[in-house]
Amino acid sequence: MTKKDIAEKIGITEQTLHNWKKNKKLLYEIVINYFSNENNLNISKEEKDLLEAFRELSEEEKKLYSYEIKARALRKKLG
């Protein structure tokens, strides 16, 4: 995601983002890191697809599937 994309997404101008870089360094870093981590995760296409599908679930479904995945991983680890 470009800085222009980030600015548009949060409803500011690209110039404002540039000003934050100079005058509000921590705020700038927080915003840039948030969008970098959100969109540039070092994960496969399949993992990204699963994450998108997961986000569409209800909170209860998310909890259920999270517990199931963690239990499977733990069983595998204990093996």
N, C-alpha and C. Protein backbone atom coordinates (compact mmCIF):
# COMPACT_ATOMS: atom_id res chain seq x y z
N MET A 1 0.85 -1.17 0.00
CA MET A 1 0.00 0.00 0.00
C MET A 1 0.90 1.23 0.00
N THR A 2 0.61 2.15 -0.90
CA THR A 2 1.42 3.37 -1.00
C THR A 2 0.99 4.38 0.06
N LYS A 3 1.81 5.39 0.25
CA LYS A 3 1.46 6.44 1.20
C LYS A 3 0.21 7.19 0.74
N LYS A 4 0.04 7.31 -0.56
CA LYS A 4 -1.17 7.94 -1.09
C LYS A 4 -2.39 7.09 -0.72
N ASP A 5 -2.29 5.78 -0.87
CA ASP A 5 -3.38 4.88 -0.51
C ASP A 5 -3.71 4.99 0.98
N ILE A 6 -2.66 5.04 1.80
CA ILE A 6 -2.85 5.14 3.25
C ILE A 6 -3.58 6.44 3.58
N ALA A 7 -3.13 7.54 3.00
CA ALA A 7 -3.75 8.84 3.26
C ALA A 7 -5.23 8.81 2.88
N GLU A 8 -5.54 8.27 1.72
CA GLU A 8 -6.94 8.19 1.28
C GLU A 8 -7.76 7.32 2.23
N LYS A 9 -7.18 6.21 2.66
CA LYS A 9 -7.90 5.28 3.52
C LYS A 9 -8.28 5.91 4.86
N ILE A 10 -7.40 6.77 5.40
CA ILE A 10 -7.69 7.38 6.71
C ILE A 10 -8.26 8.80 6.58
N GLY A 11 -8.50 9.24 5.35
CA GLY A 11 -9.19 10.51 5.13
C GLY A 11 -8.36 11.75 5.34
N ILE A 12 -7.08 11.65 4.98
CA ILE A 12 -6.22 12.83 5.05
C ILE A 12 -5.52 13.00 3.71
N THR A 13 -4.84 14.13 3.55
CA THR A 13 -4.08 14.33 2.31
C THR A 13 -2.71 13.69 2.46
N GLU A 14 -2.11 13.44 1.33
CA GLU A 14 -0.75 12.90 1.35
C GLU A 14 0.21 13.91 2.00
N GLN A 15 -0.06 15.20 1.82
CA GLN A 15 0.75 16.24 2.44
C GLN A 15 0.67 16.17 3.96
N THR A 16 -0.52 15.91 4.49
CA THR A 16 -0.67 15.77 5.94
C THR A 16 0.18 14.62 6.44
N LEU A 17 0.15 13.52 5.73
CA LEU A 17 0.97 12.37 6.11
C LEU A 17 2.45 12.75 6.09
N HIS A 18 2.84 13.49 5.09
CA HIS A 18 4.24 13.96 5.00
C HIS A 18 4.57 14.89 6.18
N ASN A 19 3.64 15.76 6.55
CA ASN A 19 3.86 16.66 7.69
C ASN A 19 4.01 15.87 8.98
N TRP A 20 3.19 14.80 9.13
CA TRP A 20 3.31 13.95 10.32
C TRP A 20 4.70 13.33 10.39
N LYS A 21 5.23 12.96 9.24
CA LYS A 21 6.57 12.35 9.20
C LYS A 21 7.61 13.32 9.78
N LYS A 22 7.43 14.61 9.49
CA LYS A 22 8.37 15.62 9.99
C LYS A 22 8.07 16.05 11.41
N ASN A 23 6.78 16.25 11.74
CA ASN A 23 6.42 16.90 13.00
C ASN A 23 5.82 15.98 14.06
N LYS A 24 5.28 14.86 13.65
CA LYS A 24 4.66 13.91 14.59
C LYS A 24 5.16 12.51 14.25
N LYS A 25 6.45 12.31 14.48
CA LYS A 25 7.11 11.08 14.03
C LYS A 25 6.48 9.81 14.57
N LEU A 26 6.10 9.81 15.84
CA LEU A 26 5.51 8.62 16.42
C LEU A 26 4.17 8.30 15.76
N LEU A 27 3.33 9.30 15.57
CA LEU A 27 2.04 9.10 14.92
C LEU A 27 2.25 8.56 13.50
N TYR A 28 3.18 9.15 12.79
CA TYR A 28 3.49 8.70 11.43
C TYR A 28 3.92 7.24 11.43
N GLU A 29 4.81 6.88 12.32
CA GLU A 29 5.30 5.50 12.39
C GLU A 29 4.19 4.52 12.75
N ILE A 30 3.31 4.92 13.67
CA ILE A 30 2.19 4.05 14.05
C ILE A 30 1.29 3.79 12.85
N VAL A 31 0.95 4.83 12.11
CA VAL A 31 0.06 4.69 10.96
C VAL A 31 0.73 3.84 9.88
N ILE A 32 1.95 4.14 9.55
CA ILE A 32 2.66 3.39 8.50
C ILE A 32 2.83 1.94 8.90
N ASN A 33 3.23 1.69 10.14
CA ASN A 33 3.41 0.31 10.59
C ASN A 33 2.10 -0.47 10.59
N TYR A 34 1.02 0.19 10.99
CA TYR A 34 -0.27 -0.48 10.99
C TYR A 34 -0.62 -0.97 9.59
N PHE A 35 -0.54 -0.09 8.62
CA PHE A 35 -0.92 -0.48 7.27
C PHE A 35 0.11 -1.40 6.63
N SER A 36 1.36 -1.28 6.97
CA SER A 36 2.37 -2.19 6.44
C SER A 36 2.13 -3.59 6.98
N ASN A 37 1.87 -3.71 8.27
CA ASN A 37 1.63 -5.02 8.86
C ASN A 37 0.33 -5.63 8.37
N GLU A 38 -0.68 -4.80 8.19
CA GLU A 38 -1.98 -5.29 7.77
C GLU A 38 -1.95 -5.82 6.35
N ASN A 39 -1.24 -5.16 5.47
CA ASN A 39 -1.34 -5.49 4.06
C ASN A 39 -0.10 -6.15 3.47
N ASN A 40 0.98 -6.15 4.19
CA ASN A 40 2.20 -6.73 3.66
C ASN A 40 2.71 -7.87 4.52
N LEU A 41 1.78 -8.61 5.10
CA LEU A 41 2.18 -9.75 5.91
C LEU A 41 2.92 -10.75 5.04
N ASN A 42 3.93 -11.36 5.60
CA ASN A 42 4.70 -12.33 4.86
C ASN A 42 3.99 -13.68 4.95
N ILE A 43 2.82 -13.76 4.31
CA ILE A 43 2.03 -14.99 4.34
C ILE A 43 1.62 -15.35 2.92
N SER A 44 1.28 -16.60 2.74
CA SER A 44 0.91 -17.09 1.41
C SER A 44 -0.46 -16.57 1.00
N LYS A 45 -0.78 -16.74 -0.27
CA LYS A 45 -2.10 -16.37 -0.80
C LYS A 45 -3.19 -17.15 -0.08
N GLU A 46 -2.95 -18.43 0.17
CA GLU A 46 -3.94 -19.26 0.88
C GLU A 46 -4.19 -18.73 2.28
N GLU A 47 -3.13 -18.33 2.99
CA GLU A 47 -3.29 -17.78 4.33
C GLU A 47 -4.05 -16.46 4.30
N LYS A 48 -3.78 -15.63 3.31
CA LYS A 48 -4.51 -14.37 3.18
C LYS A 48 -5.98 -14.63 2.92
N ASP A 49 -6.28 -15.62 2.06
CA ASP A 49 -7.67 -15.96 1.77
C ASP A 49 -8.38 -16.44 3.04
N LEU A 50 -7.68 -17.26 3.82
CA LEU A 50 -8.27 -17.75 5.07
C LEU A 50 -8.53 -16.61 6.04
N LEU A 51 -7.60 -15.67 6.11
CA LEU A 51 -7.77 -14.52 6.99
C LEU A 51 -8.98 -13.69 6.58
N GLU A 52 -9.15 -13.48 5.29
CA GLU A 52 -10.32 -12.74 4.80
C GLU A 52 -11.61 -13.46 5.16
N ALA A 53 -11.63 -14.77 4.98
CA ALA A 53 -12.83 -15.55 5.31
C ALA A 53 -13.09 -15.50 6.81
N PHE A 54 -12.03 -15.60 7.61
CA PHE A 54 -12.16 -15.56 9.06
C PHE A 54 -12.80 -14.25 9.52
N ARG A 55 -12.43 -13.16 8.89
CA ARG A 55 -12.96 -11.85 9.26
C ARG A 55 -14.45 -11.73 8.98
N GLU A 56 -14.99 -12.58 8.13
CA GLU A 56 -16.42 -12.54 7.81
C GLU A 56 -17.27 -13.30 8.82
N LEU A 57 -16.63 -14.06 9.71
CA LEU A 57 -17.36 -14.86 10.69
C LEU A 57 -17.85 -13.99 11.85
N SER A 58 -18.85 -14.51 12.56
CA SER A 58 -19.31 -13.83 13.77
C SER A 58 -18.25 -14.01 14.85
N GLU A 59 -18.33 -13.23 15.90
CA GLU A 59 -17.35 -13.33 16.99
C GLU A 59 -17.38 -14.73 17.62
N GLU A 60 -18.57 -15.29 17.77
CA GLU A 60 -18.69 -16.63 18.35
C GLU A 60 -18.02 -17.67 17.45
N GLU A 61 -18.23 -17.57 16.14
CA GLU A 61 -17.59 -18.49 15.21
C GLU A 61 -16.08 -18.34 15.23
N LYS A 62 -15.61 -17.10 15.31
CA LYS A 62 -14.16 -16.86 15.38
C LYS A 62 -13.56 -17.55 16.59
N LYS A 63 -14.22 -17.42 17.74
CA LYS A 63 -13.74 -18.07 18.96
C LYS A 63 -13.69 -19.58 18.78
N LEU A 64 -14.78 -20.14 18.27
CA LEU A 64 -14.86 -21.59 18.08
C LEU A 64 -13.73 -22.10 17.20
N TYR A 65 -13.57 -21.49 16.02
CA TYR A 65 -12.53 -21.95 15.10
C TYR A 65 -11.13 -21.69 15.65
N SER A 66 -10.95 -20.60 16.36
CA SER A 66 -9.65 -20.32 16.97
C SER A 66 -9.28 -21.39 17.99
N TYR A 67 -10.24 -21.77 18.82
CA TYR A 67 -9.99 -22.82 19.82
C TYR A 67 -9.69 -24.15 19.14
N GLU A 68 -10.43 -24.46 18.08
CA GLU A 68 -10.20 -25.71 17.37
C GLU A 68 -8.79 -25.76 16.75
N ILE A 69 -8.39 -24.67 16.14
CA ILE A 69 -7.07 -24.62 15.52
C ILE A 69 -5.97 -24.72 16.58
N LYS A 70 -6.14 -23.99 17.67
CA LYS A 70 -5.14 -24.05 18.75
C LYS A 70 -5.06 -25.44 19.35
N ALA A 71 -6.21 -26.10 19.51
CA ALA A 71 -6.22 -27.46 20.06
C ALA A 71 -5.51 -28.42 19.12
N ARG A 72 -5.75 -28.31 17.82
CA ARG A 72 -5.07 -29.17 16.85
C ARG A 72 -3.56 -28.95 16.86
N ALA A 73 -3.16 -27.69 16.93
CA ALA A 73 -1.73 -27.37 16.96
C ALA A 73 -1.08 -27.92 18.22
N LEU A 74 -1.77 -27.81 19.34
CA LEU A 74 -1.25 -28.33 20.60
C LEU A 74 -1.12 -29.85 20.56
N ARG A 75 -2.16 -30.53 20.02
CA ARG A 75 -2.10 -31.99 19.90
C ARG A 75 -0.92 -32.41 19.02
N LYS A 76 -0.71 -31.68 17.96
CA LYS A 76 0.40 -31.98 17.06
C LYS A 76 1.75 -31.79 17.77
N LYS A 77 1.83 -30.71 18.54
CA LYS A 77 3.05 -30.39 19.26
C LYS A 77 3.34 -31.45 20.33
N LEU A 78 2.30 -31.92 21.00
CA LEU A 78 2.46 -32.93 22.04
C LEU A 78 2.67 -34.33 21.47
N GLY A 79 2.27 -34.47 20.24
CA GLY A 79 2.35 -35.59 19.45
C GLY A 79 2.53 -36.93 19.54
